[in-house]
Amino acid sequence: MKLTKNLFGEFGIILFLALVVRLAYTVGLYLGMGPEGLLVEDSTLYLKSANDFLKNGDFVKNVSDTIVVPETERMPLYIIFLSLHQFISGNINSLFPALTQAFIGAGACVVIAKIGALLNPKLGQPAGLIAAFNPTLIIVGANILTDGLFFLLISLGLLFSIKWLRSPSWKSALYIGIFLALAISTRAMAFPWAIFCILALPIGVLFLQKFKFKYIWHMFLAGLIIVVFQSPIVIRNLDKFDSWHLTSQGGTYALNWIVPLVLEVDSGTPQAIGSAKMRELHLDKYGDSLSSNPFVQSKQMTDVAKIALWETDSKSIIKAWVIGAGINLFSPAPIVSPPIKDIPRTGFYDVPGENKFNKIKSFIFNNDSPIYSSILVISLVGIVIVRIAQIFGLISIFSCTKHLSNKNDRLFQRIAFSFLTLWAFYVLLINGPIASPKYRMPLESVAIISLAMFYVGFASHWMKKLKQLL
């Protein structure tokens, strides 16, 4: 343990434990299920995109042996990440990048520990250890998807944002720009958040110290870095498709997922049927004028989705978002682990029910697999207990109990954690009614620190009291 600490610093033991757990899980999946154990719905698309990138030396995809078109649905960084592994290994096997992702996930645990320590030195170790054994980070992070890499990058963006709030500097601003830019290059969903950060951080620092004009230039630097990193994609899209958008995925997302899930809440129409109906509406409206431009296609799909949402009761839209957020927060991670996920059963979106609540009830208590149902119920009880503890943790940070803070740091803690909480709300808002444990992964850093707060602020205090009584 002393050697680990000397090599990796204060949080070396966290890095070591997190890495061992992730490597064991990844290798166990591979040995038990083969390469398919590390693959989920979109994994093969990413592996193929990486192979196309490697063959063509450009961010394109092969639609046939001789025809390539620009890749517009996804951001490039994770595809480049996979292509490097394919270049080194000479094949598209999923194990090599999954093992690298174990190191990425372990690094993210250290980042979470450092965020916790910035809020209060007592939070660092508990936050890191909770992250090391967090089921969502372990299970989702092993998949050949963008989630693990994105989580590390956005967590680093949060870390340096908090550092800048505590002590504004050019260095922190530089790292904010770099890591937010890389996060955007992995998933475009980070772009609106980056804009918010640049605007909100100077406002936050106003409450903590005397404002200096150079703080504006700090954020200008961060914004400039973000623009520079995204400029190759934007320039290409402008040149080839006359579009300022980073990706062309928004239309598919709105037409096939957002609207159908809102309709499911509004009228009880199953998502699959709602998606088919929306595609029919799209073809009816644009069938004779379908464009070969993917961004025009996306806009057409978005326009059809907007009309459908406009015709839907606003209460149903709000309800769909609230239910989606609830499922994202309370769906247990073990159910998306391939050995459990692959148990023969009816999927959640295919479960019959008059409304969303009936579907949830049927999925949990009337599941056609008793084994799956048992795992789901046990995991659900566990996550409910954890969420209750996290609520107490939130109370402790905002009330700044004596166990967590000294007088000088109370305002900083409140503002810094308010910033983190806004990130969590942003993730829930942008995911909307689309729900799965994987969609909440970006906010796990906030959830983990909340649980560490509970441990430091309540659990450890009462454990000491109990020892005294005994």
Protein backbone atom coordinates (compact mmCIF):
# COMPACT_ATOMS: atom_id res chain seq x y z
CA MET A 1 0.00 0.00 0.00
CA LYS A 2 2.90 2.37 0.80
CA LEU A 3 4.50 1.64 -2.61
CA THR A 4 1.16 2.32 -4.36
CA LYS A 5 0.85 5.63 -2.53
CA ASN A 6 4.41 6.62 -3.46
CA LEU A 7 3.82 5.78 -7.12
CA PHE A 8 0.37 7.26 -7.56
CA GLY A 9 0.08 9.87 -4.83
CA GLU A 10 -2.51 10.24 -2.10
CA PHE A 11 -5.17 8.32 -4.02
CA GLY A 12 -2.93 5.46 -5.23
CA ILE A 13 -4.93 2.81 -3.36
CA ILE A 14 -8.09 4.04 -5.07
CA LEU A 15 -6.45 3.72 -8.49
CA PHE A 16 -5.19 0.23 -7.64
CA LEU A 17 -8.53 -1.10 -6.34
CA ALA A 18 -10.53 0.49 -9.15
CA LEU A 19 -8.20 -1.00 -11.75
CA VAL A 20 -8.27 -4.50 -10.25
CA VAL A 21 -12.08 -4.53 -10.11
CA ARG A 22 -12.44 -3.26 -13.69
CA LEU A 23 -9.84 -5.59 -15.16
CA ALA A 24 -11.42 -8.55 -13.35
CA TYR A 25 -14.89 -7.67 -14.65
CA THR A 26 -13.68 -7.09 -18.22
CA VAL A 27 -11.59 -10.27 -18.41
CA GLY A 28 -14.37 -12.25 -16.73
CA LEU A 29 -16.88 -11.11 -19.34
CA TYR A 30 -14.48 -11.93 -22.15
CA LEU A 31 -13.64 -15.40 -20.84
CA GLY A 32 -17.27 -16.20 -20.07
CA MET A 33 -18.98 -14.76 -23.14
CA GLY A 34 -16.24 -14.07 -25.67
CA PRO A 35 -15.87 -10.72 -27.49
CA GLU A 36 -19.68 -10.37 -27.55
CA GLY A 37 -19.68 -9.96 -23.77
CA LEU A 38 -18.16 -6.49 -24.23
CA LEU A 39 -20.54 -5.43 -27.00
CA VAL A 40 -23.94 -3.78 -26.74
CA GLU A 41 -26.34 -2.27 -29.27
CA ASP A 42 -24.09 0.31 -30.98
CA SER A 43 -20.70 -1.30 -30.28
CA THR A 44 -20.36 -2.97 -33.68
CA LEU A 45 -21.10 0.38 -35.38
CA TYR A 46 -18.23 2.01 -33.49
CA LEU A 47 -15.87 -0.86 -34.29
CA LYS A 48 -16.78 -0.66 -37.98
CA SER A 49 -16.44 3.14 -37.98
CA ALA A 50 -12.97 2.80 -36.45
CA ASN A 51 -12.02 0.25 -39.10
CA ASP A 52 -13.31 2.58 -41.85
CA PHE A 53 -11.29 5.45 -40.35
CA LEU A 54 -8.18 3.27 -40.34
CA LYS A 55 -8.68 2.10 -43.95
CA ASN A 56 -9.44 5.52 -45.39
CA GLY A 57 -7.38 7.80 -43.16
CA ASP A 58 -10.36 10.10 -42.82
CA PHE A 59 -13.52 10.47 -40.76
CA VAL A 60 -15.71 8.62 -43.28
CA LYS A 61 -17.68 5.40 -43.45
CA ASN A 62 -17.82 2.77 -46.16
CA VAL A 63 -21.33 2.27 -47.54
CA SER A 64 -19.90 -0.25 -50.03
CA ASP A 65 -16.47 -1.59 -50.96
CA THR A 66 -15.80 1.40 -53.21
CA ILE A 67 -18.05 4.17 -51.88
CA VAL A 68 -17.36 6.24 -48.78
CA VAL A 69 -19.37 9.08 -47.27
CA PRO A 70 -18.53 11.44 -44.38
CA GLU A 71 -19.42 10.15 -40.92
CA THR A 72 -21.91 12.70 -39.59
CA GLU A 73 -23.83 10.84 -36.88
CA ARG A 74 -21.00 10.54 -34.38
CA MET A 75 -18.14 12.62 -33.02
CA PRO A 76 -14.62 11.46 -33.92
CA LEU A 77 -12.61 11.02 -30.71
CA TYR A 78 -13.86 7.60 -29.57
CA ILE A 79 -13.65 6.29 -33.13
CA ILE A 80 -10.02 7.47 -33.29
CA PHE A 81 -9.46 5.81 -29.89
CA LEU A 82 -10.73 2.48 -31.26
CA SER A 83 -8.83 2.84 -34.52
CA LEU A 84 -5.54 3.23 -32.61
CA HIS A 85 -6.22 -0.08 -30.88
CA GLN A 86 -7.04 -1.72 -34.20
CA PHE A 87 -3.85 -0.31 -35.74
CA ILE A 88 -1.71 -1.67 -32.90
CA SER A 89 -3.38 -5.09 -32.66
CA GLY A 90 -4.16 -5.59 -36.35
CA ASN A 91 -7.74 -6.69 -35.65
CA ILE A 92 -11.09 -5.36 -34.41
CA ASN A 93 -11.31 -7.58 -31.32
CA SER A 94 -13.10 -5.82 -28.47
CA LEU A 95 -10.82 -6.96 -25.62
CA PHE A 96 -7.88 -4.59 -26.20
CA PRO A 97 -9.89 -1.32 -26.08
CA ALA A 98 -12.00 -2.69 -23.20
CA LEU A 99 -8.83 -3.29 -21.17
CA THR A 100 -7.67 0.25 -21.92
CA GLN A 101 -11.09 1.46 -20.77
CA ALA A 102 -10.45 -0.28 -17.43
CA PHE A 103 -7.46 2.06 -16.94
CA ILE A 104 -9.60 5.02 -18.08
CA GLY A 105 -12.29 4.07 -15.56
CA ALA A 106 -9.74 3.71 -12.76
CA GLY A 107 -8.36 7.15 -13.63
CA ALA A 108 -11.88 8.60 -13.45
CA CYS A 109 -12.18 7.29 -9.87
CA VAL A 110 -9.09 9.27 -8.89
CA VAL A 111 -10.56 12.36 -10.57
CA ILE A 112 -13.75 11.94 -8.51
CA ALA A 113 -11.63 11.60 -5.36
CA LYS A 114 -9.86 14.85 -6.26
CA ILE A 115 -13.18 16.65 -6.84
CA GLY A 116 -14.37 15.44 -3.44
CA ALA A 117 -11.12 16.58 -1.78
CA LEU A 118 -11.50 20.03 -3.36
CA LEU A 119 -14.91 20.36 -1.74
CA ASN A 120 -13.55 19.09 1.56
CA PRO A 121 -10.40 17.05 2.32
CA LYS A 122 -12.53 14.54 4.27
CA LEU A 123 -14.47 13.64 1.12
CA GLY A 124 -11.56 12.59 -1.11
CA GLN A 125 -10.88 9.03 0.04
CA PRO A 126 -14.55 8.03 0.59
CA ALA A 127 -15.57 9.43 -2.80
CA GLY A 128 -12.75 7.63 -4.59
CA LEU A 129 -13.44 4.30 -2.88
CA ILE A 130 -17.17 4.53 -3.62
CA ALA A 131 -16.32 5.28 -7.26
CA ALA A 132 -13.95 2.30 -7.39
CA PHE A 133 -16.80 -0.08 -6.59
CA ASN A 134 -19.65 1.84 -8.26
CA PRO A 135 -21.63 -0.71 -10.35
CA THR A 136 -22.64 1.79 -13.05
CA LEU A 137 -19.06 2.90 -13.66
CA ILE A 138 -17.80 -0.71 -13.73
CA ILE A 139 -20.52 -2.21 -15.91
CA VAL A 140 -21.19 0.59 -18.39
CA GLY A 141 -17.52 1.58 -18.54
CA ALA A 142 -16.57 -1.88 -19.85
CA ASN A 143 -18.82 -1.60 -22.92
CA ILE A 144 -17.39 -0.66 -26.29
CA LEU A 145 -19.18 2.67 -26.25
CA THR A 146 -18.27 6.31 -25.69
CA ASP A 147 -19.47 6.31 -22.06
CA GLY A 148 -16.23 5.47 -20.25
CA LEU A 149 -14.03 7.89 -22.17
CA PHE A 150 -16.64 10.63 -22.03
CA PHE A 151 -17.05 10.17 -18.27
CA LEU A 152 -13.33 10.65 -17.66
CA LEU A 153 -13.14 13.75 -19.85
CA ILE A 154 -16.25 15.44 -18.46
CA SER A 155 -15.13 14.61 -14.90
CA LEU A 156 -11.80 16.30 -15.62
CA GLY A 157 -13.73 19.28 -16.96
CA LEU A 158 -15.70 19.41 -13.70
CA LEU A 159 -12.52 19.04 -11.63
CA PHE A 160 -10.78 22.00 -13.23
CA SER A 161 -13.99 24.05 -13.15
CA ILE A 162 -14.11 23.57 -9.37
CA LYS A 163 -10.38 24.33 -9.14
CA TRP A 164 -10.94 27.55 -11.08
CA LEU A 165 -13.81 28.52 -8.77
CA ARG A 166 -11.56 28.07 -5.73
CA SER A 167 -8.57 29.85 -7.24
CA PRO A 168 -8.98 31.26 -10.76
CA SER A 169 -5.88 30.76 -12.91
CA TRP A 170 -4.82 30.58 -16.54
CA LYS A 171 -3.76 26.96 -16.00
CA SER A 172 -7.19 25.85 -14.77
CA ALA A 173 -8.88 27.78 -17.60
CA LEU A 174 -6.58 26.06 -20.11
CA TYR A 175 -7.51 22.63 -18.77
CA ILE A 176 -11.22 23.52 -18.68
CA GLY A 177 -11.01 24.33 -22.39
CA ILE A 178 -9.00 21.22 -23.28
CA PHE A 179 -11.11 18.68 -21.40
CA LEU A 180 -14.48 20.17 -22.35
CA ALA A 181 -13.30 20.29 -25.99
CA LEU A 182 -12.27 16.62 -25.83
CA ALA A 183 -15.58 15.72 -24.16
CA ILE A 184 -17.45 17.44 -27.00
CA SER A 185 -15.27 15.57 -29.52
CA THR A 186 -16.52 12.38 -27.86
CA ARG A 187 -20.19 13.29 -27.43
CA ALA A 188 -21.81 16.45 -28.78
CA MET A 189 -24.15 16.61 -25.77
CA ALA A 190 -21.33 18.37 -23.87
CA PHE A 191 -21.41 21.42 -26.16
CA PRO A 192 -24.35 23.28 -24.51
CA TRP A 193 -22.81 22.52 -21.11
CA ALA A 194 -19.51 24.03 -22.22
CA ILE A 195 -21.29 27.25 -23.18
CA PHE A 196 -23.00 27.28 -19.78
CA CYS A 197 -19.65 26.80 -17.99
CA ILE A 198 -18.02 29.71 -19.78
CA LEU A 199 -20.91 31.98 -18.80
CA ALA A 200 -21.61 30.63 -15.30
CA LEU A 201 -18.14 30.23 -13.79
CA PRO A 202 -17.34 33.98 -13.74
CA ILE A 203 -20.72 34.59 -12.10
CA GLY A 204 -19.98 31.94 -9.47
CA VAL A 205 -16.60 33.43 -8.63
CA LEU A 206 -18.27 36.83 -8.01
CA PHE A 207 -19.69 35.39 -4.76
CA LEU A 208 -16.33 34.11 -3.58
CA GLN A 209 -13.85 36.91 -4.13
CA LYS A 210 -13.26 40.31 -5.68
CA PHE A 211 -13.87 40.02 -9.40
CA LYS A 212 -10.98 40.70 -11.79
CA PHE A 213 -11.38 41.45 -15.48
CA LYS A 214 -8.80 38.82 -16.38
CA TYR A 215 -11.32 36.16 -15.33
CA ILE A 216 -13.26 37.02 -18.49
CA TRP A 217 -10.11 36.38 -20.50
CA HIS A 218 -9.68 33.04 -18.71
CA MET A 219 -13.06 31.94 -20.04
CA PHE A 220 -12.29 33.42 -23.45
CA LEU A 221 -9.23 31.15 -23.56
CA ALA A 222 -11.35 28.12 -22.63
CA GLY A 223 -13.93 29.01 -25.28
CA LEU A 224 -11.24 29.57 -27.92
CA ILE A 225 -9.78 26.11 -27.27
CA ILE A 226 -13.23 24.55 -27.63
CA VAL A 227 -13.81 26.37 -30.94
CA VAL A 228 -10.39 25.34 -32.28
CA PHE A 229 -10.93 21.68 -31.39
CA GLN A 230 -14.35 21.55 -33.08
CA SER A 231 -13.43 23.67 -36.11
CA PRO A 232 -12.35 20.76 -38.39
CA ILE A 233 -15.77 19.10 -38.01
CA VAL A 234 -17.68 22.39 -38.35
CA ILE A 235 -15.67 23.46 -41.42
CA ARG A 236 -16.24 20.08 -43.06
CA ASN A 237 -19.97 20.18 -42.33
CA LEU A 238 -20.25 23.72 -43.67
CA ASP A 239 -18.29 22.86 -46.79
CA LYS A 240 -20.03 19.61 -47.64
CA PHE A 241 -23.49 20.00 -46.08
CA ASP A 242 -23.98 23.73 -45.46
CA SER A 243 -24.61 23.05 -41.75
CA TRP A 244 -23.18 24.48 -38.52
CA HIS A 245 -24.27 21.40 -36.51
CA LEU A 246 -21.67 19.02 -35.14
CA THR A 247 -23.67 15.85 -35.89
CA SER A 248 -26.76 14.84 -37.85
CA GLN A 249 -28.10 12.55 -35.12
CA GLY A 250 -30.63 14.96 -33.60
CA GLY A 251 -33.46 14.14 -36.00
CA THR A 252 -33.27 10.40 -35.46
CA TYR A 253 -33.06 10.95 -31.71
CA ALA A 254 -36.18 13.15 -31.69
CA LEU A 255 -38.26 11.15 -34.18
CA ASN A 256 -37.55 7.61 -33.00
CA TRP A 257 -37.13 8.13 -29.26
CA ILE A 258 -38.19 11.44 -27.74
CA VAL A 259 -41.63 11.73 -29.37
CA PRO A 260 -42.57 8.02 -29.13
CA LEU A 261 -41.71 7.96 -25.42
CA VAL A 262 -43.79 11.09 -24.84
CA LEU A 263 -46.68 9.50 -26.77
CA GLU A 264 -46.34 6.40 -24.60
CA VAL A 265 -47.00 8.56 -21.54
CA ASP A 266 -49.73 10.57 -23.29
CA SER A 267 -51.75 7.76 -24.88
CA GLY A 268 -50.16 4.48 -23.81
CA THR A 269 -48.82 3.81 -27.34
CA PRO A 270 -45.80 1.47 -27.05
CA GLN A 271 -42.51 3.06 -28.05
CA ALA A 272 -41.93 0.71 -30.99
CA ILE A 273 -45.37 1.46 -32.46
CA GLY A 274 -44.98 5.18 -31.82
CA SER A 275 -41.60 5.16 -33.56
CA ALA A 276 -43.09 3.39 -36.61
CA LYS A 277 -45.93 5.94 -36.76
CA MET A 278 -43.48 8.84 -36.60
CA ARG A 279 -41.44 7.38 -39.45
CA GLU A 280 -44.64 7.05 -41.48
CA LEU A 281 -45.48 10.71 -40.81
CA HIS A 282 -41.99 11.68 -41.89
CA LEU A 283 -42.30 9.74 -45.14
CA ASP A 284 -45.78 11.15 -45.79
CA LYS A 285 -44.47 14.70 -45.46
CA TYR A 286 -41.05 14.40 -47.09
CA GLY A 287 -41.19 11.14 -49.06
CA ASP A 288 -41.09 12.95 -52.40
CA SER A 289 -38.37 15.34 -51.33
CA LEU A 290 -36.03 13.25 -49.20
CA SER A 291 -32.59 14.82 -49.26
CA SER A 292 -29.25 13.06 -49.55
CA ASN A 293 -27.88 15.68 -47.16
CA PRO A 294 -27.89 14.03 -43.69
CA PHE A 295 -28.30 17.38 -41.95
CA VAL A 296 -31.32 18.26 -44.08
CA GLN A 297 -32.74 14.82 -43.29
CA SER A 298 -32.15 15.47 -39.59
CA LYS A 299 -33.89 18.85 -39.81
CA GLN A 300 -36.87 17.28 -41.60
CA MET A 301 -37.15 14.61 -38.89
CA THR A 302 -36.84 17.25 -36.19
CA ASP A 303 -39.58 19.36 -37.81
CA VAL A 304 -41.97 16.37 -37.82
CA ALA A 305 -41.05 15.63 -34.18
CA LYS A 306 -41.66 19.27 -33.17
CA ILE A 307 -45.13 19.24 -34.75
CA ALA A 308 -46.00 16.03 -32.88
CA LEU A 309 -44.77 17.46 -29.58
CA TRP A 310 -46.63 20.73 -30.19
CA GLU A 311 -49.85 18.74 -30.59
CA THR A 312 -49.20 16.81 -27.37
CA ASP A 313 -50.44 17.97 -23.97
CA SER A 314 -47.64 19.84 -22.19
CA LYS A 315 -48.41 17.91 -19.01
CA SER A 316 -47.60 14.66 -20.83
CA ILE A 317 -44.26 16.08 -22.00
CA ILE A 318 -43.32 17.14 -18.47
CA LYS A 319 -44.51 13.81 -17.11
CA ALA A 320 -42.42 11.90 -19.68
CA TRP A 321 -39.32 13.87 -18.66
CA VAL A 322 -39.96 13.28 -14.95
CA ILE A 323 -40.54 9.55 -15.46
CA GLY A 324 -37.44 9.32 -17.64
CA ALA A 325 -35.37 11.05 -14.96
CA GLY A 326 -36.82 8.74 -12.30
CA ILE A 327 -35.98 5.61 -14.29
CA ASN A 328 -32.49 6.92 -15.04
CA LEU A 329 -31.87 7.57 -11.35
CA PHE A 330 -33.40 4.36 -10.01
CA SER A 331 -32.72 1.71 -12.67
CA PRO A 332 -30.08 -0.65 -11.23
CA ALA A 333 -26.85 -1.03 -13.20
CA PRO A 334 -26.61 -4.85 -12.87
CA ILE A 335 -29.55 -5.28 -15.26
CA VAL A 336 -27.44 -3.93 -18.15
CA SER A 337 -24.53 -6.29 -17.45
CA PRO A 338 -24.48 -8.72 -20.43
CA PRO A 339 -24.85 -11.98 -18.43
CA ILE A 340 -28.00 -10.57 -16.80
CA LYS A 341 -29.19 -8.50 -19.74
CA ASP A 342 -29.06 -11.55 -22.03
CA ILE A 343 -31.39 -13.62 -19.82
CA PRO A 344 -34.37 -14.44 -22.12
CA ARG A 345 -37.23 -12.10 -21.25
CA THR A 346 -39.40 -9.30 -22.61
CA GLY A 347 -37.54 -5.97 -22.83
CA PHE A 348 -38.84 -2.95 -20.92
CA TYR A 349 -40.02 -1.04 -23.99
CA ASP A 350 -41.90 -4.14 -25.22
CA VAL A 351 -43.68 -4.81 -21.92
CA PRO A 352 -47.46 -4.28 -22.30
CA GLY A 353 -49.20 -1.72 -20.11
CA GLU A 354 -51.84 0.98 -20.25
CA ASN A 355 -49.34 3.59 -19.09
CA LYS A 356 -45.72 3.95 -18.02
CA PHE A 357 -46.42 3.07 -14.39
CA ASN A 358 -48.18 -0.16 -15.37
CA LYS A 359 -45.24 -1.03 -17.63
CA ILE A 360 -42.77 -0.45 -14.80
CA LYS A 361 -44.89 -2.53 -12.40
CA SER A 362 -45.23 -5.37 -14.92
CA PHE A 363 -41.54 -5.26 -15.78
CA ILE A 364 -40.50 -5.55 -12.13
CA PHE A 365 -43.10 -7.87 -10.63
CA ASN A 366 -44.52 -9.81 -13.60
CA ASN A 367 -41.32 -10.36 -15.53
CA ASP A 368 -41.25 -13.57 -17.57
CA SER A 369 -37.86 -14.46 -16.06
CA PRO A 370 -37.94 -15.12 -12.29
CA ILE A 371 -34.12 -14.95 -12.11
CA TYR A 372 -34.02 -11.58 -13.83
CA SER A 373 -36.89 -10.32 -11.69
CA SER A 374 -35.13 -11.37 -8.47
CA ILE A 375 -31.90 -9.61 -9.48
CA LEU A 376 -33.89 -6.53 -10.47
CA VAL A 377 -35.81 -6.33 -7.18
CA ILE A 378 -32.73 -6.87 -4.98
CA SER A 379 -30.76 -4.29 -6.97
CA LEU A 380 -33.67 -1.86 -6.87
CA VAL A 381 -33.89 -2.07 -3.07
CA GLY A 382 -30.16 -1.38 -2.89
CA ILE A 383 -30.30 1.66 -5.16
CA VAL A 384 -33.28 3.11 -3.24
CA ILE A 385 -31.28 2.88 0.00
CA VAL A 386 -28.30 4.54 -1.70
CA ARG A 387 -30.46 7.35 -3.10
CA ILE A 388 -31.92 8.05 0.37
CA ALA A 389 -28.39 8.24 1.78
CA GLN A 390 -27.42 10.61 -1.03
CA ILE A 391 -30.32 12.91 -0.19
CA PHE A 392 -28.98 13.18 3.36
CA GLY A 393 -25.54 13.84 1.87
CA LEU A 394 -26.96 16.70 -0.20
CA ILE A 395 -28.60 18.15 2.89
CA SER A 396 -25.31 18.02 4.75
CA ILE A 397 -23.37 19.89 2.05
CA PHE A 398 -25.94 22.63 1.60
CA SER A 399 -26.48 23.00 5.33
CA CYS A 400 -22.68 22.81 5.78
CA THR A 401 -22.72 20.75 8.96
CA LYS A 402 -19.73 20.95 11.27
CA HIS A 403 -18.66 17.44 10.23
CA LEU A 404 -18.08 18.63 6.66
CA SER A 405 -16.94 22.21 6.67
CA ASN A 406 -15.25 25.03 8.42
CA LYS A 407 -16.64 28.54 8.35
CA ASN A 408 -14.26 29.81 5.63
CA ASP A 409 -15.14 27.07 3.14
CA ARG A 410 -18.91 26.94 3.54
CA LEU A 411 -19.79 29.39 0.77
CA PHE A 412 -17.32 27.77 -1.64
CA GLN A 413 -18.74 24.32 -0.91
CA ARG A 414 -22.28 25.48 -1.57
CA ILE A 415 -21.44 27.23 -4.83
CA ALA A 416 -19.14 24.44 -6.07
CA PHE A 417 -21.64 21.71 -5.32
CA SER A 418 -24.46 23.79 -6.80
CA PHE A 419 -22.38 23.80 -10.01
CA LEU A 420 -22.03 20.00 -9.85
CA THR A 421 -25.75 19.62 -9.14
CA LEU A 422 -26.55 21.73 -12.20
CA TRP A 423 -24.49 19.27 -14.26
CA ALA A 424 -26.59 16.41 -12.92
CA PHE A 425 -29.82 18.25 -13.78
CA TYR A 426 -28.46 19.03 -17.24
CA VAL A 427 -27.80 15.32 -17.90
CA LEU A 428 -31.33 14.39 -16.81
CA LEU A 429 -32.81 17.21 -18.88
CA ILE A 430 -30.95 16.38 -22.08
CA ASN A 431 -31.71 12.65 -21.79
CA GLY A 432 -35.39 13.46 -21.37
CA PRO A 433 -37.64 10.38 -21.44
CA ILE A 434 -34.87 8.08 -22.69
CA ALA A 435 -33.95 5.91 -19.72
CA SER A 436 -31.28 3.36 -18.84
CA PRO A 437 -28.46 3.14 -16.29
CA LYS A 438 -26.00 4.04 -19.06
CA TYR A 439 -27.66 7.40 -19.58
CA ARG A 440 -27.07 8.46 -15.99
CA MET A 441 -23.37 7.57 -16.03
CA PRO A 442 -22.23 11.17 -16.74
CA LEU A 443 -23.82 12.36 -13.47
CA GLU A 444 -22.39 9.55 -11.32
CA SER A 445 -19.59 11.81 -10.09
CA VAL A 446 -22.19 14.01 -8.38
CA ALA A 447 -24.06 10.99 -6.98
CA ILE A 448 -20.84 9.47 -5.65
CA ILE A 449 -19.75 12.66 -3.89
CA SER A 450 -23.24 12.94 -2.36
CA LEU A 451 -22.87 9.43 -0.93
CA ALA A 452 -19.40 10.30 0.39
CA MET A 453 -20.97 13.33 2.06
CA PHE A 454 -23.48 11.08 3.77
CA TYR A 455 -20.69 8.83 5.03
CA VAL A 456 -18.57 11.70 6.37
CA GLY A 457 -21.44 13.85 7.62
CA PHE A 458 -23.71 11.20 9.13
CA ALA A 459 -22.56 7.61 8.98
CA SER A 460 -19.04 8.06 10.38
CA HIS A 461 -20.38 10.32 13.16
CA TRP A 462 -22.94 7.78 14.29
CA MET A 463 -20.48 4.91 13.98
CA LYS A 464 -18.22 6.72 16.46
CA LYS A 465 -21.19 7.23 18.78
CA LEU A 466 -22.01 3.54 18.54
CA LYS A 467 -18.42 2.56 19.38
CA GLN A 468 -18.52 4.83 22.43
CA LEU A 469 -21.73 3.15 23.62
CA LEU A 470 -20.22 -0.30 23.14
